[in-house]
Protein backbone atom coordinates (compact mmCIF):
# COMPACT_ATOMS: atom_id res chain seq x y z
CA MET A 1 0.07 -0.11 0.00
CA SER A 2 1.33 3.35 -0.76
CA PHE A 3 1.71 6.34 1.67
CA ALA A 4 -1.07 8.12 -0.12
CA GLU A 5 -3.46 5.11 0.23
CA ILE A 6 -2.63 4.65 3.81
CA ILE A 7 -3.05 8.46 4.79
CA GLN A 8 -6.24 8.63 2.73
CA LYS A 9 -7.86 5.61 4.22
CA TYR A 10 -6.29 6.03 7.83
CA PRO A 11 -5.50 9.78 8.33
CA GLU A 12 -4.47 9.10 12.02
CA ALA A 13 -1.66 6.97 10.70
CA ALA A 14 0.25 10.08 9.69
CA GLU A 15 1.11 10.81 13.35
CA ILE A 16 2.32 7.35 13.85
CA LEU A 17 4.55 7.42 10.74
CA LEU A 18 5.92 10.82 11.73
CA GLU A 19 6.85 9.37 15.17
CA LYS A 20 8.80 6.69 13.41
CA GLY A 21 10.89 9.45 11.59
CA MET A 22 9.10 9.08 8.25
CA HIS A 23 8.70 12.88 7.80
CA CYS A 24 8.63 12.40 4.02
CA ILE A 25 4.96 11.32 3.99
CA GLY A 26 4.03 14.71 2.52
CA CYS A 27 6.43 14.49 -0.19
CA PRO A 28 4.96 14.09 -3.74
CA MET A 29 7.44 11.45 -4.59
CA ALA A 30 7.03 9.61 -1.24
CA MET A 31 3.29 9.44 -1.88
CA GLN A 32 3.89 7.17 -4.62
CA GLU A 33 6.13 4.79 -2.69
CA SER A 34 5.01 1.85 -0.67
CA LEU A 35 5.33 1.82 3.00
CA GLU A 36 7.79 -1.06 2.54
CA ASP A 37 9.99 1.27 0.33
CA GLY A 38 9.81 4.19 2.83
CA ALA A 39 10.69 1.93 5.70
CA LYS A 40 13.69 0.63 3.81
CA ALA A 41 14.86 4.08 2.98
CA HIS A 42 14.72 5.13 6.63
CA GLY A 43 16.51 1.82 7.83
CA LEU A 44 13.17 0.57 9.53
CA ASN A 45 11.38 -2.78 9.38
CA ALA A 46 8.09 -2.47 7.36
CA ASP A 47 6.51 -5.62 9.07
CA GLU A 48 7.02 -3.77 12.62
CA ILE A 49 5.51 -0.66 11.42
CA VAL A 50 2.45 -2.43 9.78
CA LYS A 51 2.02 -4.43 13.08
CA GLU A 52 2.13 -1.10 15.04
CA LEU A 53 -0.21 0.61 12.68
CA ASN A 54 -2.61 -2.31 12.95
CA GLU A 55 -2.52 -2.34 16.87
CA LYS A 56 -2.83 1.53 17.26
CA LEU A 57 -5.51 1.79 14.55
CA GLY A 58 -7.53 -1.19 15.96
CA LYS A 59 -6.99 -3.19 12.71
CA LYS A 60 -6.42 -7.04 12.65
């Protein structure tokens, strides 16, 4: 899922991503990137971020 899709569907996810240091979520190029691509670029584990997003957003 791209950053744009995540933010559009779950606007509250922006705060979580910003807390992770992913400040590029507003960048036009980043909005086309997948969460996995962005996580790799920031040296983060995409699976851990997805798990945290699901937990904090009440998704399963």
